[in-house]
Amino acid sequence: MLNPVRMRIIQELSTRRSITATELCEIISDVPRTTMYRHINILLDNNILSVVSEKKIRGSLERTLALNIGEISKHNTLGNASQNALGFLMNRYARFHYYFSGENPDPAKDKIFLNNSVLMMDDNEFDQFLSELRGLLIKYNFEVANGRKARDISVISAPTENDEQNG
């Protein structure tokens, strides 16, 4: 699931009940159609997506897809949390390693940055912050348009040293 194309598919489906594979290809139009279908099939093979209907259109089978929330929930457990966090962080590391070992990395031109901020908030303020952040992510997340390019943004909420020591 940590692949950026698969995450975009999952994010798109998280905002609606179902969508056809063709509609997904139109929405995420910067990814080649064959690549999209390969990632859709990987998600189907791993039961992250399910086919809710199929319709024959001009000799092709059009599938309508939905998230398989039950399967996703099975893997989102406290027992898997450490493994899921490590997988997420290793994926981030691999993306940076690939970028910086490429031919001409230019972090300034590509707007690459790392940032860590410790914010002082009570639970209500943090909930409000997360709600506003979600709104921003949704606002800029889905539409492919001329001049726009995919930007991989990661946000992590983690315990501070004080939380770990008081734990």
N, C-alpha and C. Protein backbone atom coordinates (compact mmCIF):
# COMPACT_ATOMS: atom_id res chain seq x y z
N MET A 1 0.81 -1.20 0.00
CA MET A 1 0.00 0.00 0.00
C MET A 1 0.85 1.26 0.00
N LEU A 2 2.10 1.19 0.42
CA LEU A 2 2.91 2.39 0.58
C LEU A 2 3.40 2.98 -0.74
N ASN A 3 3.18 2.31 -1.86
CA ASN A 3 3.56 2.85 -3.15
C ASN A 3 2.73 4.12 -3.41
N PRO A 4 3.38 5.20 -3.89
CA PRO A 4 2.65 6.46 -4.08
C PRO A 4 1.43 6.36 -5.01
N VAL A 5 1.52 5.57 -6.07
CA VAL A 5 0.36 5.44 -6.97
C VAL A 5 -0.76 4.70 -6.25
N ARG A 6 -0.42 3.64 -5.54
CA ARG A 6 -1.46 2.89 -4.81
C ARG A 6 -2.08 3.76 -3.72
N MET A 7 -1.26 4.61 -3.07
CA MET A 7 -1.81 5.51 -2.05
C MET A 7 -2.77 6.52 -2.68
N ARG A 8 -2.45 7.00 -3.85
CA ARG A 8 -3.35 7.94 -4.53
C ARG A 8 -4.67 7.26 -4.89
N ILE A 9 -4.61 6.01 -5.31
CA ILE A 9 -5.83 5.24 -5.61
C ILE A 9 -6.67 5.10 -4.35
N ILE A 10 -6.02 4.72 -3.26
CA ILE A 10 -6.73 4.54 -1.99
C ILE A 10 -7.31 5.87 -1.51
N GLN A 11 -6.54 6.95 -1.63
CA GLN A 11 -7.04 8.26 -1.21
C GLN A 11 -8.26 8.67 -2.03
N GLU A 12 -8.20 8.42 -3.31
CA GLU A 12 -9.35 8.77 -4.17
C GLU A 12 -10.58 7.97 -3.76
N LEU A 13 -10.40 6.68 -3.52
CA LEU A 13 -11.54 5.84 -3.14
C LEU A 13 -12.04 6.15 -1.73
N SER A 14 -11.19 6.72 -0.90
CA SER A 14 -11.62 7.04 0.47
C SER A 14 -12.64 8.18 0.49
N THR A 15 -12.75 8.91 -0.60
CA THR A 15 -13.69 10.03 -0.65
C THR A 15 -15.01 9.67 -1.32
N ARG A 16 -15.15 8.43 -1.77
CA ARG A 16 -16.39 8.02 -2.45
C ARG A 16 -16.64 6.54 -2.18
N ARG A 17 -17.84 6.11 -2.44
CA ARG A 17 -18.20 4.71 -2.20
C ARG A 17 -17.55 3.78 -3.20
N SER A 18 -17.56 4.19 -4.47
CA SER A 18 -17.00 3.34 -5.52
C SER A 18 -16.62 4.22 -6.71
N ILE A 19 -15.84 3.62 -7.60
CA ILE A 19 -15.39 4.33 -8.80
C ILE A 19 -14.99 3.29 -9.83
N THR A 20 -15.14 3.61 -11.08
CA THR A 20 -14.69 2.68 -12.12
C THR A 20 -13.19 2.86 -12.34
N ALA A 21 -12.57 1.83 -12.86
CA ALA A 21 -11.14 1.90 -13.18
C ALA A 21 -10.88 3.01 -14.19
N THR A 22 -11.79 3.17 -15.15
CA THR A 22 -11.63 4.22 -16.16
C THR A 22 -11.68 5.60 -15.51
N GLU A 23 -12.60 5.81 -14.58
CA GLU A 23 -12.69 7.09 -13.89
C GLU A 23 -11.41 7.37 -13.09
N LEU A 24 -10.88 6.33 -12.45
CA LEU A 24 -9.62 6.49 -11.72
C LEU A 24 -8.50 6.94 -12.66
N CYS A 25 -8.44 6.33 -13.84
CA CYS A 25 -7.41 6.69 -14.82
C CYS A 25 -7.58 8.14 -15.28
N GLU A 26 -8.82 8.60 -15.39
CA GLU A 26 -9.07 9.99 -15.79
C GLU A 26 -8.69 10.97 -14.69
N ILE A 27 -8.97 10.62 -13.44
CA ILE A 27 -8.68 11.50 -12.31
C ILE A 27 -7.17 11.57 -12.06
N ILE A 28 -6.52 10.42 -12.11
CA ILE A 28 -5.07 10.35 -11.87
C ILE A 28 -4.40 10.24 -13.25
N SER A 29 -4.60 11.25 -14.05
CA SER A 29 -4.22 11.18 -15.46
C SER A 29 -2.73 11.32 -15.71
N ASP A 30 -1.94 11.69 -14.69
CA ASP A 30 -0.50 11.79 -14.89
C ASP A 30 0.19 10.42 -14.81
N VAL A 31 -0.55 9.39 -14.44
CA VAL A 31 -0.01 8.03 -14.37
C VAL A 31 -0.50 7.27 -15.60
N PRO A 32 0.40 6.63 -16.36
CA PRO A 32 -0.03 5.89 -17.55
C PRO A 32 -1.09 4.84 -17.20
N ARG A 33 -2.03 4.68 -18.13
CA ARG A 33 -3.16 3.77 -17.92
C ARG A 33 -2.69 2.34 -17.57
N THR A 34 -1.68 1.84 -18.27
CA THR A 34 -1.20 0.47 -17.97
C THR A 34 -0.62 0.39 -16.56
N THR A 35 0.05 1.44 -16.12
CA THR A 35 0.59 1.47 -14.76
C THR A 35 -0.55 1.48 -13.75
N MET A 36 -1.58 2.28 -14.02
CA MET A 36 -2.74 2.34 -13.12
C MET A 36 -3.39 0.96 -12.98
N TYR A 37 -3.60 0.28 -14.11
CA TYR A 37 -4.24 -1.03 -14.05
C TYR A 37 -3.37 -2.04 -13.30
N ARG A 38 -2.05 -1.92 -13.43
CA ARG A 38 -1.15 -2.82 -12.70
C ARG A 38 -1.30 -2.59 -11.19
N HIS A 39 -1.36 -1.32 -10.77
CA HIS A 39 -1.51 -1.02 -9.34
C HIS A 39 -2.90 -1.39 -8.83
N ILE A 40 -3.91 -1.19 -9.65
CA ILE A 40 -5.26 -1.61 -9.27
C ILE A 40 -5.27 -3.12 -9.04
N ASN A 41 -4.65 -3.87 -9.95
CA ASN A 41 -4.61 -5.33 -9.80
C ASN A 41 -3.84 -5.76 -8.57
N ILE A 42 -2.76 -5.07 -8.22
CA ILE A 42 -2.03 -5.39 -6.99
C ILE A 42 -2.94 -5.18 -5.78
N LEU A 43 -3.67 -4.07 -5.77
CA LEU A 43 -4.60 -3.80 -4.66
C LEU A 43 -5.74 -4.82 -4.62
N LEU A 44 -6.21 -5.25 -5.78
CA LEU A 44 -7.24 -6.29 -5.83
C LEU A 44 -6.69 -7.62 -5.33
N ASP A 45 -5.49 -7.99 -5.80
CA ASP A 45 -4.87 -9.26 -5.38
C ASP A 45 -4.64 -9.33 -3.88
N ASN A 46 -4.43 -8.18 -3.25
CA ASN A 46 -4.19 -8.13 -1.80
C ASN A 46 -5.44 -7.77 -1.01
N ASN A 47 -6.59 -7.81 -1.68
CA ASN A 47 -7.90 -7.58 -1.05
C ASN A 47 -8.05 -6.19 -0.44
N ILE A 48 -7.25 -5.23 -0.88
CA ILE A 48 -7.40 -3.85 -0.41
C ILE A 48 -8.56 -3.20 -1.16
N LEU A 49 -8.72 -3.58 -2.43
CA LEU A 49 -9.87 -3.16 -3.23
C LEU A 49 -10.72 -4.37 -3.53
N SER A 50 -11.98 -4.13 -3.77
CA SER A 50 -12.87 -5.20 -4.23
C SER A 50 -13.66 -4.69 -5.42
N VAL A 51 -14.06 -5.63 -6.26
CA VAL A 51 -14.89 -5.31 -7.43
C VAL A 51 -16.34 -5.40 -6.97
N VAL A 52 -17.07 -4.28 -7.07
CA VAL A 52 -18.47 -4.27 -6.65
C VAL A 52 -19.42 -4.53 -7.80
N SER A 53 -18.96 -4.28 -9.03
CA SER A 53 -19.77 -4.62 -10.20
C SER A 53 -18.88 -4.65 -11.44
N GLU A 54 -19.38 -5.34 -12.46
CA GLU A 54 -18.69 -5.40 -13.75
C GLU A 54 -19.72 -5.20 -14.84
N LYS A 55 -19.34 -4.45 -15.87
CA LYS A 55 -20.25 -4.17 -16.97
C LYS A 55 -19.46 -4.28 -18.27
N LYS A 56 -20.05 -4.93 -19.26
CA LYS A 56 -19.42 -5.05 -20.57
C LYS A 56 -19.65 -3.77 -21.37
N ILE A 57 -18.54 -3.14 -21.79
CA ILE A 57 -18.62 -1.92 -22.60
C ILE A 57 -17.72 -2.10 -23.81
N ARG A 58 -18.34 -2.13 -25.00
CA ARG A 58 -17.62 -2.29 -26.26
C ARG A 58 -16.57 -3.39 -26.22
N GLY A 59 -16.94 -4.54 -25.72
CA GLY A 59 -16.03 -5.68 -25.71
C GLY A 59 -15.08 -5.72 -24.53
N SER A 60 -15.05 -4.68 -23.72
CA SER A 60 -14.20 -4.66 -22.53
C SER A 60 -15.05 -4.79 -21.29
N LEU A 61 -14.44 -5.29 -20.24
CA LEU A 61 -15.12 -5.43 -18.96
C LEU A 61 -14.74 -4.25 -18.08
N GLU A 62 -15.71 -3.40 -17.76
CA GLU A 62 -15.48 -2.24 -16.90
C GLU A 62 -15.81 -2.62 -15.46
N ARG A 63 -14.80 -2.51 -14.59
CA ARG A 63 -14.98 -2.87 -13.18
C ARG A 63 -15.22 -1.62 -12.35
N THR A 64 -16.18 -1.72 -11.44
CA THR A 64 -16.40 -0.67 -10.45
C THR A 64 -15.77 -1.16 -9.16
N LEU A 65 -14.91 -0.31 -8.57
CA LEU A 65 -14.09 -0.69 -7.44
C LEU A 65 -14.51 0.03 -6.17
N ALA A 66 -14.22 -0.60 -5.04
CA ALA A 66 -14.46 0.02 -3.73
C ALA A 66 -13.35 -0.44 -2.79
N LEU A 67 -13.12 0.36 -1.74
CA LEU A 67 -12.16 -0.05 -0.73
C LEU A 67 -12.72 -1.21 0.06
N ASN A 68 -11.87 -2.15 0.40
CA ASN A 68 -12.24 -3.27 1.25
C ASN A 68 -11.85 -2.89 2.68
N ILE A 69 -12.71 -2.13 3.35
CA ILE A 69 -12.42 -1.57 4.67
C ILE A 69 -12.12 -2.68 5.67
N GLY A 70 -12.81 -3.80 5.58
CA GLY A 70 -12.58 -4.91 6.50
C GLY A 70 -11.14 -5.41 6.43
N GLU A 71 -10.63 -5.57 5.22
CA GLU A 71 -9.25 -6.05 5.05
C GLU A 71 -8.24 -5.01 5.54
N ILE A 72 -8.49 -3.75 5.24
CA ILE A 72 -7.59 -2.69 5.71
C ILE A 72 -7.58 -2.65 7.23
N SER A 73 -8.75 -2.76 7.84
CA SER A 73 -8.86 -2.72 9.31
C SER A 73 -8.15 -3.90 9.97
N LYS A 74 -8.16 -5.06 9.32
CA LYS A 74 -7.48 -6.24 9.88
C LYS A 74 -6.00 -5.99 10.09
N HIS A 75 -5.38 -5.18 9.23
CA HIS A 75 -3.94 -4.95 9.30
C HIS A 75 -3.60 -3.72 10.14
N ASN A 76 -4.60 -2.95 10.50
CA ASN A 76 -4.38 -1.73 11.28
C ASN A 76 -4.66 -2.02 12.75
N THR A 77 -3.78 -2.83 13.36
CA THR A 77 -3.95 -3.23 14.75
C THR A 77 -2.77 -2.76 15.58
N LEU A 78 -2.95 -2.74 16.88
CA LEU A 78 -1.86 -2.37 17.77
C LEU A 78 -0.69 -3.35 17.63
N GLY A 79 -1.00 -4.62 17.40
CA GLY A 79 0.06 -5.62 17.21
C GLY A 79 0.90 -5.36 15.97
N ASN A 80 0.31 -4.77 14.94
CA ASN A 80 1.03 -4.47 13.70
C ASN A 80 1.58 -3.05 13.65
N ALA A 81 1.28 -2.23 14.66
CA ALA A 81 1.60 -0.80 14.61
C ALA A 81 3.10 -0.55 14.40
N SER A 82 3.93 -1.23 15.16
CA SER A 82 5.37 -1.01 15.03
C SER A 82 5.87 -1.42 13.65
N GLN A 83 5.39 -2.55 13.14
CA GLN A 83 5.77 -3.02 11.81
C GLN A 83 5.26 -2.07 10.73
N ASN A 84 4.03 -1.58 10.89
CA ASN A 84 3.49 -0.63 9.92
C ASN A 84 4.29 0.68 9.93
N ALA A 85 4.67 1.15 11.12
CA ALA A 85 5.47 2.38 11.22
C ALA A 85 6.84 2.18 10.56
N LEU A 86 7.47 1.04 10.82
CA LEU A 86 8.77 0.77 10.21
C LEU A 86 8.64 0.69 8.69
N GLY A 87 7.62 0.04 8.19
CA GLY A 87 7.41 -0.03 6.74
C GLY A 87 7.23 1.35 6.13
N PHE A 88 6.46 2.19 6.82
CA PHE A 88 6.25 3.56 6.35
C PHE A 88 7.57 4.33 6.30
N LEU A 89 8.33 4.26 7.40
CA LEU A 89 9.59 5.00 7.47
C LEU A 89 10.62 4.47 6.48
N MET A 90 10.68 3.17 6.28
CA MET A 90 11.62 2.60 5.31
C MET A 90 11.24 3.00 3.89
N ASN A 91 9.95 3.10 3.62
CA ASN A 91 9.50 3.57 2.31
C ASN A 91 9.94 5.01 2.09
N ARG A 92 9.81 5.85 3.11
CA ARG A 92 10.27 7.24 3.01
C ARG A 92 11.78 7.27 2.77
N TYR A 93 12.52 6.46 3.54
CA TYR A 93 13.98 6.42 3.37
C TYR A 93 14.34 6.00 1.95
N ALA A 94 13.68 4.97 1.44
CA ALA A 94 13.98 4.48 0.09
C ALA A 94 13.72 5.56 -0.95
N ARG A 95 12.66 6.33 -0.79
CA ARG A 95 12.35 7.40 -1.75
C ARG A 95 13.44 8.47 -1.74
N PHE A 96 13.91 8.85 -0.54
CA PHE A 96 15.00 9.84 -0.46
C PHE A 96 16.30 9.27 -1.01
N HIS A 97 16.59 8.02 -0.67
CA HIS A 97 17.81 7.40 -1.16
C HIS A 97 17.81 7.35 -2.70
N TYR A 98 16.70 6.95 -3.28
CA TYR A 98 16.57 6.90 -4.73
C TYR A 98 16.76 8.29 -5.34
N TYR A 99 16.13 9.28 -4.73
CA TYR A 99 16.23 10.65 -5.24
C TYR A 99 17.67 11.15 -5.17
N PHE A 100 18.31 11.04 -3.99
CA PHE A 100 19.65 11.61 -3.82
C PHE A 100 20.73 10.81 -4.53
N SER A 101 20.48 9.56 -4.87
CA SER A 101 21.48 8.79 -5.62
C SER A 101 21.21 8.85 -7.12
N GLY A 102 20.23 9.64 -7.53
CA GLY A 102 19.92 9.81 -8.94
C GLY A 102 20.96 10.67 -9.64
N GLU A 103 20.73 10.92 -10.91
CA GLU A 103 21.71 11.63 -11.73
C GLU A 103 21.96 13.07 -11.30
N ASN A 104 20.92 13.85 -11.15
CA ASN A 104 21.09 15.27 -10.85
C ASN A 104 20.12 15.74 -9.77
N PRO A 105 20.27 15.26 -8.54
CA PRO A 105 19.34 15.74 -7.52
C PRO A 105 19.53 17.24 -7.28
N ASP A 106 18.45 17.95 -7.20
CA ASP A 106 18.49 19.38 -6.94
C ASP A 106 17.38 19.71 -5.93
N PRO A 107 17.68 19.51 -4.63
CA PRO A 107 16.65 19.69 -3.61
C PRO A 107 16.00 21.07 -3.62
N ALA A 108 16.77 22.13 -3.91
CA ALA A 108 16.18 23.48 -3.93
C ALA A 108 15.16 23.59 -5.07
N LYS A 109 15.56 23.16 -6.27
CA LYS A 109 14.66 23.23 -7.43
C LYS A 109 13.42 22.36 -7.21
N ASP A 110 13.62 21.17 -6.65
CA ASP A 110 12.53 20.22 -6.45
C ASP A 110 11.75 20.45 -5.15
N LYS A 111 12.16 21.47 -4.39
CA LYS A 111 11.48 21.83 -3.14
C LYS A 111 11.45 20.67 -2.15
N ILE A 112 12.58 19.98 -2.03
CA ILE A 112 12.72 18.88 -1.08
C ILE A 112 13.09 19.47 0.28
N PHE A 113 12.41 19.07 1.31
CA PHE A 113 12.75 19.55 2.64
C PHE A 113 12.35 18.51 3.68
N LEU A 114 13.00 18.62 4.82
CA LEU A 114 12.65 17.82 6.00
C LEU A 114 12.36 18.81 7.11
N ASN A 115 11.34 18.56 7.88
CA ASN A 115 10.98 19.48 8.94
C ASN A 115 10.46 18.67 10.12
N ASN A 116 10.82 19.09 11.30
CA ASN A 116 10.27 18.49 12.50
C ASN A 116 9.89 19.62 13.44
N SER A 117 8.65 19.65 13.85
CA SER A 117 8.17 20.69 14.77
C SER A 117 7.47 20.02 15.93
N VAL A 118 7.76 20.48 17.13
CA VAL A 118 7.02 20.04 18.31
C VAL A 118 6.02 21.15 18.61
N LEU A 119 4.75 20.83 18.56
CA LEU A 119 3.68 21.80 18.79
C LEU A 119 3.08 21.57 20.17
N MET A 120 2.76 22.64 20.85
CA MET A 120 2.15 22.56 22.19
C MET A 120 0.64 22.75 22.03
N MET A 121 -0.12 21.66 22.22
CA MET A 121 -1.56 21.71 22.04
C MET A 121 -2.23 20.75 23.02
N ASP A 122 -3.42 21.11 23.47
CA ASP A 122 -4.20 20.14 24.21
C ASP A 122 -4.92 19.25 23.19
N ASP A 123 -5.63 18.24 23.64
CA ASP A 123 -6.26 17.29 22.71
C ASP A 123 -7.27 17.96 21.78
N ASN A 124 -8.03 18.93 22.30
CA ASN A 124 -9.01 19.62 21.44
C ASN A 124 -8.32 20.44 20.36
N GLU A 125 -7.24 21.14 20.74
CA GLU A 125 -6.49 21.91 19.75
C GLU A 125 -5.86 20.99 18.70
N PHE A 126 -5.36 19.85 19.15
CA PHE A 126 -4.75 18.90 18.21
C PHE A 126 -5.80 18.35 17.25
N ASP A 127 -6.98 18.04 17.76
CA ASP A 127 -8.07 17.58 16.89
C ASP A 127 -8.42 18.65 15.85
N GLN A 128 -8.46 19.91 16.26
CA GLN A 128 -8.75 21.01 15.34
C GLN A 128 -7.64 21.13 14.29
N PHE A 129 -6.38 21.03 14.74
CA PHE A 129 -5.24 21.06 13.83
C PHE A 129 -5.36 19.95 12.78
N LEU A 130 -5.66 18.73 13.23
CA LEU A 130 -5.78 17.61 12.29
C LEU A 130 -6.93 17.82 11.31
N SER A 131 -8.02 18.40 11.78
CA SER A 131 -9.15 18.68 10.90
C SER A 131 -8.76 19.70 9.83
N GLU A 132 -8.05 20.74 10.23
CA GLU A 132 -7.61 21.76 9.27
C GLU A 132 -6.58 21.18 8.29
N LEU A 133 -5.68 20.36 8.79
CA LEU A 133 -4.68 19.73 7.93
C LEU A 133 -5.36 18.81 6.92
N ARG A 134 -6.34 18.05 7.37
CA ARG A 134 -7.09 17.17 6.46
C ARG A 134 -7.75 17.99 5.36
N GLY A 135 -8.33 19.14 5.73
CA GLY A 135 -8.95 20.02 4.75
C GLY A 135 -7.96 20.50 3.71
N LEU A 136 -6.76 20.87 4.14
CA LEU A 136 -5.72 21.30 3.20
C LEU A 136 -5.30 20.16 2.28
N LEU A 137 -5.12 18.98 2.85
CA LEU A 137 -4.70 17.83 2.04
C LEU A 137 -5.75 17.49 0.99
N ILE A 138 -7.01 17.54 1.37
CA ILE A 138 -8.08 17.26 0.42
C ILE A 138 -8.14 18.34 -0.65
N LYS A 139 -7.97 19.59 -0.25
CA LYS A 139 -8.05 20.72 -1.19
C LYS A 139 -7.05 20.58 -2.33
N TYR A 140 -5.84 20.14 -2.03
CA TYR A 140 -4.78 20.10 -3.04
C TYR A 140 -4.47 18.70 -3.55
N ASN A 141 -5.18 17.71 -3.13
CA ASN A 141 -4.76 16.33 -3.35
C ASN A 141 -5.11 15.72 -4.68
N PHE A 142 -6.30 15.93 -5.21
CA PHE A 142 -6.79 15.00 -6.21
C PHE A 142 -6.73 15.45 -7.66
N GLU A 143 -6.88 16.71 -7.95
CA GLU A 143 -7.05 17.12 -9.33
C GLU A 143 -5.73 17.27 -10.07
N VAL A 144 -5.61 16.54 -11.15
CA VAL A 144 -4.46 16.70 -12.04
C VAL A 144 -4.82 17.81 -13.02
N ALA A 145 -3.92 18.76 -13.18
CA ALA A 145 -4.16 19.86 -14.10
C ALA A 145 -2.83 20.30 -14.70
N ASN A 146 -2.92 21.02 -15.80
CA ASN A 146 -1.73 21.52 -16.47
C ASN A 146 -0.90 22.36 -15.50
N GLY A 147 0.39 22.07 -15.40
CA GLY A 147 1.28 22.80 -14.51
C GLY A 147 1.38 22.19 -13.12
N ARG A 148 0.48 21.28 -12.78
CA ARG A 148 0.54 20.61 -11.48
C ARG A 148 1.38 19.35 -11.61
N LYS A 149 2.07 18.99 -10.52
CA LYS A 149 2.78 17.72 -10.49
C LYS A 149 2.58 17.09 -9.12
N ALA A 150 2.74 15.79 -9.08
CA ALA A 150 2.56 15.07 -7.82
C ALA A 150 3.67 15.47 -6.85
N ARG A 151 3.29 15.73 -5.62
CA ARG A 151 4.25 16.04 -4.55
C ARG A 151 3.94 15.11 -3.40
N ASP A 152 4.96 14.39 -2.97
CA ASP A 152 4.81 13.37 -1.93
C ASP A 152 5.04 14.02 -0.57
N ILE A 153 3.97 14.24 0.18
CA ILE A 153 4.03 14.89 1.49
C ILE A 153 3.70 13.84 2.55
N SER A 154 4.54 13.74 3.56
CA SER A 154 4.31 12.83 4.68
C SER A 154 4.15 13.63 5.95
N VAL A 155 3.20 13.24 6.77
CA VAL A 155 2.99 13.86 8.07
C VAL A 155 2.98 12.74 9.10
N ILE A 156 3.76 12.93 10.16
CA ILE A 156 3.85 11.92 11.21
C ILE A 156 3.58 12.59 12.55
N SER A 157 2.73 12.01 13.34
CA SER A 157 2.55 12.43 14.72
C SER A 157 3.21 11.35 15.57
N ALA A 158 4.18 11.75 16.39
CA ALA A 158 4.93 10.78 17.19
C ALA A 158 5.07 11.28 18.62
N PRO A 159 5.30 10.37 19.56
CA PRO A 159 5.51 10.82 20.93
C PRO A 159 6.83 11.58 21.04
N THR A 160 6.87 12.54 21.97
CA THR A 160 8.13 13.24 22.25
C THR A 160 8.89 12.43 23.29
N GLU A 161 10.15 12.81 23.55
CA GLU A 161 10.95 12.08 24.55
C GLU A 161 10.28 12.08 25.90
N ASN A 162 9.66 13.20 26.28
CA ASN A 162 8.97 13.26 27.57
C ASN A 162 7.84 12.26 27.65
N ASP A 163 7.07 12.12 26.56
CA ASP A 163 5.98 11.16 26.52
C ASP A 163 6.52 9.74 26.66
N GLU A 164 7.62 9.44 26.00
CA GLU A 164 8.21 8.10 26.03
C GLU A 164 8.71 7.78 27.43
N GLN A 165 9.33 8.77 28.13
CA GLN A 165 9.87 8.53 29.46
C GLN A 165 8.75 8.41 30.50
N ASN A 166 7.66 9.17 30.30
CA ASN A 166 6.56 9.14 31.24
C ASN A 166 5.59 8.01 30.98
N GLY A 167 5.74 7.43 29.77
CA GLY A 167 4.94 6.46 29.18
C GLY A 167 4.10 5.56 29.83
